Amino acid sequence: MSTPPPVVHIVDDDAAFLRSTLFMVEGLGFAAQGYALAEDFLAALPAPAPQGCCLLLDIRMPRMSGLELQQRLAAAGHDYPTVFMTGHGDIDQAVQALRGGALNFLQKPFREQALLDALNHAVAVGLATQRQHARRAQAQALLARLSPRERDVARQLALGLSNKEVARQLSISDHTVHVHRQRITEKTGSGHAADLARLILRADPQALDEGSAPPPAM
């Protein structure tokens, strides 16, 4: 079975331009879904396609602008890789969009090659983000198997402390640390300090910073 093409969600209130852009995007080998208003996309809020997706978004629209949609999606934690479409007078807004996390902007009318390059880049970034989220969720699920004390021990071991140093740090016996260490290995598959450090940092990049709390239970 062949892999379905990446999905491009196109939002533009100009009906004629939306139709022509849908046709162009499909001709470039993508699946395309059109929305006449930012509110329509926000109401549908499609899940990221596993084969990759991106958002091709007009910057100037009635009621809710493309910038406002970008801000709302970011505030809700939705990571849609976004390419903005702009008119000649929208460069300042395009710069604002880039500062807000947009990957690119295309000035209307744009060439097919410019569109293809922008969409390919956005899809690649989106897939990398999906993989990162999946790795983080997997690491968090493994750490969630640990008891609170096991998480304390795991963090100290990940920081490079020996069993004796962990025992002193947590005011427990060397034997207790040894038992916890065995259980941590059984539950996470991480038997060495470097493995534990990678696992903990994958779940939370700040987890081993000085003064930070150990990874929370899920």
C-alpha atoms as a PDB file:
ATOM      1  CA  MET A   1       0.000   0.000   0.000  1.00  0.00           C
ATOM      2  CA  SER A   2       1.438   3.369  -1.014  1.00  0.00           C
ATOM      3  CA  THR A   3       1.962   6.091   1.583  1.00  0.00           C
ATOM      4  CA  PRO A   4      -0.626   8.889   1.335  1.00  0.00           C
ATOM      5  CA  PRO A   5       0.776  12.316   0.432  1.00  0.00           C
ATOM      6  CA  PRO A   6       1.347  15.037   3.044  1.00  0.00           C
ATOM      7  CA  VAL A   7      -1.665  17.239   3.727  1.00  0.00           C
ATOM      8  CA  VAL A   8      -1.622  20.991   3.139  1.00  0.00           C
ATOM      9  CA  HIS A   9      -4.371  22.973   4.892  1.00  0.00           C
ATOM     10  CA  ILE A  10      -4.974  26.200   2.965  1.00  0.00           C
ATOM     11  CA  VAL A  11      -6.817  29.134   4.553  1.00  0.00           C
ATOM     12  CA  ASP A  12      -7.756  32.098   2.323  1.00  0.00           C
ATOM     13  CA  ASP A  13     -10.925  34.180   2.166  1.00  0.00           C
ATOM     14  CA  ASP A  14     -10.500  34.896  -1.576  1.00  0.00           C
ATOM     15  CA  ALA A  15     -12.572  32.080  -3.092  1.00  0.00           C
ATOM     16  CA  ALA A  16     -10.972  32.260  -6.565  1.00  0.00           C
ATOM     17  CA  PHE A  17      -7.440  32.335  -5.158  1.00  0.00           C
ATOM     18  CA  LEU A  18      -8.252  29.485  -2.776  1.00  0.00           C
ATOM     19  CA  ARG A  19      -9.481  27.318  -5.668  1.00  0.00           C
ATOM     20  CA  SER A  20      -6.410  28.026  -7.773  1.00  0.00           C
ATOM     21  CA  THR A  21      -4.065  27.376  -4.848  1.00  0.00           C
ATOM     22  CA  LEU A  22      -5.789  24.091  -4.029  1.00  0.00           C
ATOM     23  CA  PHE A  23      -5.326  23.057  -7.662  1.00  0.00           C
ATOM     24  CA  MET A  24      -1.653  24.110  -7.624  1.00  0.00           C
ATOM     25  CA  VAL A  25      -0.894  22.308  -4.359  1.00  0.00           C
ATOM     26  CA  GLU A  26      -2.546  19.096  -5.541  1.00  0.00           C
ATOM     27  CA  GLY A  27      -0.599  19.351  -8.794  1.00  0.00           C
ATOM     28  CA  LEU A  28       2.607  19.426  -6.759  1.00  0.00           C
ATOM     29  CA  GLY A  29       1.751  16.043  -5.221  1.00  0.00           C
ATOM     30  CA  PHE A  30       0.149  17.032  -1.922  1.00  0.00           C
ATOM     31  CA  ALA A  31      -3.317  16.389  -0.560  1.00  0.00           C
ATOM     32  CA  ALA A  32      -5.062  19.737  -0.039  1.00  0.00           C
ATOM     33  CA  GLN A  33      -7.900  20.935   2.177  1.00  0.00           C
ATOM     34  CA  GLY A  34      -9.314  24.438   1.843  1.00  0.00           C
ATOM     35  CA  TYR A  35     -10.904  26.776   4.391  1.00  0.00           C
ATOM     36  CA  ALA A  36     -12.513  30.115   3.565  1.00  0.00           C
ATOM     37  CA  LEU A  37     -11.982  31.608   7.021  1.00  0.00           C
ATOM     38  CA  ALA A  38      -9.566  31.235   9.914  1.00  0.00           C
ATOM     39  CA  GLU A  39     -12.548  30.396  12.104  1.00  0.00           C
ATOM     40  CA  ASP A  40     -13.353  27.428   9.846  1.00  0.00           C
ATOM     41  CA  PHE A  41      -9.900  25.947  10.347  1.00  0.00           C
ATOM     42  CA  LEU A  42     -10.034  26.598  14.081  1.00  0.00           C
ATOM     43  CA  ALA A  43     -13.414  24.848  14.297  1.00  0.00           C
ATOM     44  CA  ALA A  44     -12.185  21.820  12.326  1.00  0.00           C
ATOM     45  CA  LEU A  45      -8.747  21.725  14.007  1.00  0.00           C
ATOM     46  CA  PRO A  46      -7.556  18.667  12.056  1.00  0.00           C
ATOM     47  CA  ALA A  47      -5.073  16.386  13.776  1.00  0.00           C
ATOM     48  CA  PRO A  48      -1.541  16.378  12.328  1.00  0.00           C
ATOM     49  CA  ALA A  49      -1.363  13.743   9.588  1.00  0.00           C
ATOM     50  CA  PRO A  50       1.202  11.010  10.362  1.00  0.00           C
ATOM     51  CA  GLN A  51       2.614  11.343   6.831  1.00  0.00           C
ATOM     52  CA  GLY A  52       3.179  15.069   7.396  1.00  0.00           C
ATOM     53  CA  CYS A  53       1.162  18.239   7.065  1.00  0.00           C
ATOM     54  CA  CYS A  54       1.433  22.010   7.127  1.00  0.00           C
ATOM     55  CA  LEU A  55      -0.698  25.135   7.141  1.00  0.00           C
ATOM     56  CA  LEU A  56      -0.666  27.575   4.204  1.00  0.00           C
ATOM     57  CA  LEU A  57      -2.252  30.666   5.689  1.00  0.00           C
ATOM     58  CA  ASP A  58      -3.306  34.036   4.290  1.00  0.00           C
ATOM     59  CA  ILE A  59      -2.130  36.787   6.594  1.00  0.00           C
ATOM     60  CA  ARG A  60      -4.972  39.270   5.984  1.00  0.00           C
ATOM     61  CA  MET A  61      -8.547  38.011   6.395  1.00  0.00           C
ATOM     62  CA  PRO A  62     -11.829  39.403   7.790  1.00  0.00           C
ATOM     63  CA  ARG A  63     -12.750  38.912  11.431  1.00  0.00           C
ATOM     64  CA  MET A  64      -9.848  36.649  12.437  1.00  0.00           C
ATOM     65  CA  SER A  65      -6.552  37.376  10.681  1.00  0.00           C
ATOM     66  CA  GLY A  66      -3.917  34.802   9.893  1.00  0.00           C
ATOM     67  CA  LEU A  67      -1.726  36.244  12.635  1.00  0.00           C
ATOM     68  CA  GLU A  68      -4.499  35.850  15.205  1.00  0.00           C
ATOM     69  CA  LEU A  69      -5.067  32.250  14.120  1.00  0.00           C
ATOM     70  CA  GLN A  70      -1.342  31.586  14.476  1.00  0.00           C
ATOM     71  CA  GLN A  71      -1.393  33.047  17.986  1.00  0.00           C
ATOM     72  CA  ARG A  72      -4.457  31.052  19.026  1.00  0.00           C
ATOM     73  CA  LEU A  73      -2.982  27.797  17.773  1.00  0.00           C
ATOM     74  CA  ALA A  74       0.296  28.466  19.587  1.00  0.00           C
ATOM     75  CA  ALA A  75      -1.505  29.362  22.818  1.00  0.00           C
ATOM     76  CA  ALA A  76      -3.437  26.072  22.643  1.00  0.00           C
ATOM     77  CA  GLY A  77      -0.217  24.107  22.061  1.00  0.00           C
ATOM     78  CA  HIS A  78      -0.922  23.094  18.457  1.00  0.00           C
ATOM     79  CA  ASP A  79       2.287  22.824  16.437  1.00  0.00           C
ATOM     80  CA  TYR A  80       1.206  23.334  12.848  1.00  0.00           C
ATOM     81  CA  PRO A  81       4.204  24.186  10.657  1.00  0.00           C
ATOM     82  CA  THR A  82       2.986  27.354   8.981  1.00  0.00           C
ATOM     83  CA  VAL A  83       3.740  29.164   5.727  1.00  0.00           C
ATOM     84  CA  PHE A  84       2.082  32.559   5.334  1.00  0.00           C
ATOM     85  CA  MET A  85       0.785  34.081   2.106  1.00  0.00           C
ATOM     86  CA  THR A  86       1.078  37.869   1.972  1.00  0.00           C
ATOM     87  CA  GLY A  87       0.202  40.783  -0.258  1.00  0.00           C
ATOM     88  CA  HIS A  88       2.577  43.571  -1.213  1.00  0.00           C
ATOM     89  CA  GLY A  89       1.660  45.697   1.799  1.00  0.00           C
ATOM     90  CA  ASP A  90       1.971  42.962   4.406  1.00  0.00           C
ATOM     91  CA  ILE A  91       5.747  42.631   4.850  1.00  0.00           C
ATOM     92  CA  ASP A  92       5.725  44.029   8.402  1.00  0.00           C
ATOM     93  CA  GLN A  93       3.043  41.516   9.328  1.00  0.00           C
ATOM     94  CA  ALA A  94       5.036  38.743   7.665  1.00  0.00           C
ATOM     95  CA  VAL A  95       8.040  39.588   9.806  1.00  0.00           C
ATOM     96  CA  GLN A  96       5.788  39.450  12.867  1.00  0.00           C
ATOM     97  CA  ALA A  97       4.555  36.035  11.725  1.00  0.00           C
ATOM     98  CA  LEU A  98       8.122  34.735  11.433  1.00  0.00           C
ATOM     99  CA  ARG A  99       8.844  35.963  14.941  1.00  0.00           C
ATOM    100  CA  GLY A 100       5.748  34.042  16.062  1.00  0.00           C
ATOM    101  CA  GLY A 101       7.126  30.788  14.688  1.00  0.00           C
ATOM    102  CA  ALA A 102       6.079  30.753  11.025  1.00  0.00           C
ATOM    103  CA  LEU A 103       8.584  28.983   8.798  1.00  0.00           C
ATOM    104  CA  ASN A 104       8.253  31.134   5.703  1.00  0.00           C
ATOM    105  CA  PHE A 105       6.085  33.598   3.851  1.00  0.00           C
ATOM    106  CA  LEU A 106       5.249  33.769   0.159  1.00  0.00           C
ATOM    107  CA  GLN A 107       4.323  37.015  -1.511  1.00  0.00           C
ATOM    108  CA  LYS A 108       1.321  36.751  -3.827  1.00  0.00           C
ATOM    109  CA  PRO A 109       1.397  35.819  -6.641  1.00  0.00           C
ATOM    110  CA  PHE A 110       4.036  33.142  -6.048  1.00  0.00           C
ATOM    111  CA  ARG A 111       5.774  30.682  -8.346  1.00  0.00           C
ATOM    112  CA  GLU A 112       5.152  26.936  -8.167  1.00  0.00           C
ATOM    113  CA  GLN A 113       8.795  26.217  -7.312  1.00  0.00           C
ATOM    114  CA  ALA A 114       8.756  28.701  -4.427  1.00  0.00           C
ATOM    115  CA  LEU A 115       5.556  27.105  -3.139  1.00  0.00           C
ATOM    116  CA  LEU A 116       6.962  23.577  -3.500  1.00  0.00           C
ATOM    117  CA  ASP A 117      10.153  24.476  -1.635  1.00  0.00           C
ATOM    118  CA  ALA A 118       8.239  26.163   1.183  1.00  0.00           C
ATOM    119  CA  LEU A 119       5.771  23.282   1.584  1.00  0.00           C
ATOM    120  CA  ASN A 120       8.469  20.585   1.498  1.00  0.00           C
ATOM    121  CA  HIS A 121      10.409  22.432   4.199  1.00  0.00           C
ATOM    122  CA  ALA A 122       7.304  22.921   6.358  1.00  0.00           C
ATOM    123  CA  VAL A 123       6.310  19.250   6.077  1.00  0.00           C
ATOM    124  CA  ALA A 124       9.843  18.141   6.987  1.00  0.00           C
ATOM    125  CA  VAL A 125       9.862  20.403  10.048  1.00  0.00           C
ATOM    126  CA  GLY A 126       6.438  19.118  11.076  1.00  0.00           C
ATOM    127  CA  LEU A 127       7.515  15.483  10.799  1.00  0.00           C
ATOM    128  CA  ALA A 128      10.621  16.172  12.882  1.00  0.00           C
ATOM    129  CA  THR A 129       8.426  17.820  15.535  1.00  0.00           C
ATOM    130  CA  GLN A 130       6.045  14.842  15.540  1.00  0.00           C
ATOM    131  CA  ARG A 131       8.975  12.446  16.037  1.00  0.00           C
ATOM    132  CA  GLN A 132      10.311  14.579  18.877  1.00  0.00           C
ATOM    133  CA  HIS A 133       6.916  14.605  20.592  1.00  0.00           C
ATOM    134  CA  ALA A 134       6.633  10.826  20.191  1.00  0.00           C
ATOM    135  CA  ARG A 135      10.077  10.275  21.744  1.00  0.00           C
ATOM    136  CA  ARG A 136       9.217  12.601  24.607  1.00  0.00           C
ATOM    137  CA  ALA A 137       5.904  10.829  25.267  1.00  0.00           C
ATOM    138  CA  GLN A 138       7.659   7.449  25.235  1.00  0.00           C
ATOM    139  CA  ALA A 139      10.278   8.661  27.717  1.00  0.00           C
ATOM    140  CA  GLN A 140       7.620  10.164  29.984  1.00  0.00           C
ATOM    141  CA  ALA A 141       5.684   6.888  29.913  1.00  0.00           C
ATOM    142  CA  LEU A 142       8.786   4.935  30.991  1.00  0.00           C
ATOM    143  CA  LEU A 143       9.550   7.348  33.832  1.00  0.00           C
ATOM    144  CA  ALA A 144       5.921   7.192  34.947  1.00  0.00           C
ATOM    145  CA  ARG A 145       6.511   3.544  35.883  1.00  0.00           C
ATOM    146  CA  LEU A 146       8.886   4.648  38.653  1.00  0.00           C
ATOM    147  CA  SER A 147       7.843   5.373  42.211  1.00  0.00           C
ATOM    148  CA  PRO A 148       8.604   8.855  43.588  1.00  0.00           C
ATOM    149  CA  ARG A 149      11.683   7.512  45.437  1.00  0.00           C
ATOM    150  CA  GLU A 150      12.878   5.667  42.337  1.00  0.00           C
ATOM    151  CA  ARG A 151      12.602   8.931  40.379  1.00  0.00           C
ATOM    152  CA  ASP A 152      14.708  10.658  43.044  1.00  0.00           C
ATOM    153  CA  VAL A 153      17.366   7.943  42.779  1.00  0.00           C
ATOM    154  CA  ALA A 154      17.245   7.928  38.982  1.00  0.00           C
ATOM    155  CA  ARG A 155      17.845  11.686  38.853  1.00  0.00           C
ATOM    156  CA  GLN A 156      20.838  11.483  41.181  1.00  0.00           C
ATOM    157  CA  LEU A 157      22.328   8.602  39.196  1.00  0.00           C
ATOM    158  CA  ALA A 158      21.768  10.520  35.958  1.00  0.00           C
ATOM    159  CA  LEU A 159      23.743  13.407  37.449  1.00  0.00           C
ATOM    160  CA  GLY A 160      26.711  11.025  37.777  1.00  0.00           C
ATOM    161  CA  LEU A 161      26.590  10.249  41.494  1.00  0.00           C
ATOM    162  CA  SER A 162      27.757   6.865  42.743  1.00  0.00           C
ATOM    163  CA  ASN A 163      25.518   4.606  44.832  1.00  0.00           C
ATOM    164  CA  LYS A 164      27.225   5.805  48.016  1.00  0.00           C
ATOM    165  CA  GLU A 165      26.838   9.451  47.040  1.00  0.00           C
ATOM    166  CA  VAL A 166      23.155   8.915  46.211  1.00  0.00           C
ATOM    167  CA  ALA A 167      22.677   7.198  49.600  1.00  0.00           C
ATOM    168  CA  ARG A 168      24.191  10.203  51.389  1.00  0.00           C
ATOM    169  CA  GLN A 169      22.252  12.701  49.285  1.00  0.00           C
ATOM    170  CA  LEU A 170      18.895  11.022  49.985  1.00  0.00           C
ATOM    171  CA  SER A 171      19.687   9.796  53.527  1.00  0.00           C
ATOM    172  CA  ILE A 172      19.094   6.139  52.675  1.00  0.00           C
ATOM    173  CA  SER A 173      21.316   3.042  52.825  1.00  0.00           C
ATOM    174  CA  ASP A 174      23.626   1.853  50.055  1.00  0.00           C
ATOM    175  CA  HIS A 175      21.578  -1.337  49.854  1.00  0.00           C
ATOM    176  CA  THR A 176      18.367   0.624  49.321  1.00  0.00           C
ATOM    177  CA  VAL A 177      19.993   2.560  46.485  1.00  0.00           C
ATOM    178  CA  HIS A 178      21.144  -0.732  44.950  1.00  0.00           C
ATOM    179  CA  VAL A 179      17.597  -2.141  45.111  1.00  0.00           C
ATOM    180  CA  HIS A 180      16.122   1.028  43.618  1.00  0.00           C
ATOM    181  CA  ARG A 181      18.724   0.966  40.870  1.00  0.00           C
ATOM    182  CA  GLN A 182      17.768  -2.594  39.928  1.00  0.00           C
ATOM    183  CA  ARG A 183      14.099  -1.659  39.767  1.00  0.00           C
ATOM    184  CA  ILE A 184      14.854   1.431  37.692  1.00  0.00           C
ATOM    185  CA  THR A 185      16.740  -0.733  35.195  1.00  0.00           C
ATOM    186  CA  GLU A 186      13.906  -3.269  35.052  1.00  0.00           C
ATOM    187  CA  LYS A 187      11.241  -0.607  34.525  1.00  0.00           C
ATOM    188  CA  THR A 188      13.053   1.666  32.059  1.00  0.00           C
ATOM    189  CA  GLY A 189      15.719  -0.502  30.440  1.00  0.00           C
ATOM    190  CA  SER A 190      18.283   2.163  31.342  1.00  0.00           C
ATOM    191  CA  GLY A 191      21.033   0.575  33.417  1.00  0.00           C
ATOM    192  CA  HIS A 192      23.771   3.177  33.117  1.00  0.00           C
ATOM    193  CA  ALA A 193      23.945   6.790  34.225  1.00  0.00           C
ATOM    194  CA  ALA A 194      24.312   8.038  30.640  1.00  0.00           C
ATOM    195  CA  ASP A 195      21.232   6.060  29.561  1.00  0.00           C
ATOM    196  CA  LEU A 196      19.221   7.469  32.461  1.00  0.00           C
ATOM    197  CA  ALA A 197      20.373  10.993  31.672  1.00  0.00           C
ATOM    198  CA  ARG A 198      19.296  10.661  28.045  1.00  0.00           C
ATOM    199  CA  LEU A 199      15.921   9.238  29.065  1.00  0.00           C
ATOM    200  CA  ILE A 200      15.242  11.952  31.644  1.00  0.00           C
ATOM    201  CA  LEU A 201      16.332  14.767  29.317  1.00  0.00           C
ATOM    202  CA  ARG A 202      14.187  13.358  26.522  1.00  0.00           C
ATOM    203  CA  ALA A 203      11.176  13.547  28.839  1.00  0.00           C
ATOM    204  CA  ASP A 204      12.102  17.041  30.082  1.00  0.00           C
ATOM    205  CA  PRO A 205      15.132  18.965  28.717  1.00  0.00           C
ATOM    206  CA  GLN A 206      15.391  20.985  31.958  1.00  0.00           C
ATOM    207  CA  ALA A 207      15.000  18.057  34.348  1.00  0.00           C
ATOM    208  CA  LEU A 208      18.693  17.834  35.293  1.00  0.00           C
ATOM    209  CA  ASP A 209      19.277  21.556  35.664  1.00  0.00           C
ATOM    210  CA  GLU A 210      20.492  22.674  39.069  1.00  0.00           C
ATOM    211  CA  GLY A 211      17.566  23.319  41.376  1.00  0.00           C
ATOM    212  CA  SER A 212      15.015  21.673  39.096  1.00  0.00           C
ATOM    213  CA  ALA A 213      12.565  19.142  40.441  1.00  0.00           C
ATOM    214  CA  PRO A 214      12.767  15.483  39.423  1.00  0.00           C
ATOM    215  CA  PRO A 215      10.525  14.358  36.547  1.00  0.00           C
ATOM    216  CA  PRO A 216       6.903  14.302  37.746  1.00  0.00           C
ATOM    217  CA  ALA A 217       4.697  11.241  37.797  1.00  0.00           C
ATOM    218  CA  MET A 218       2.378  10.872  34.829  1.00  0.00           C
END
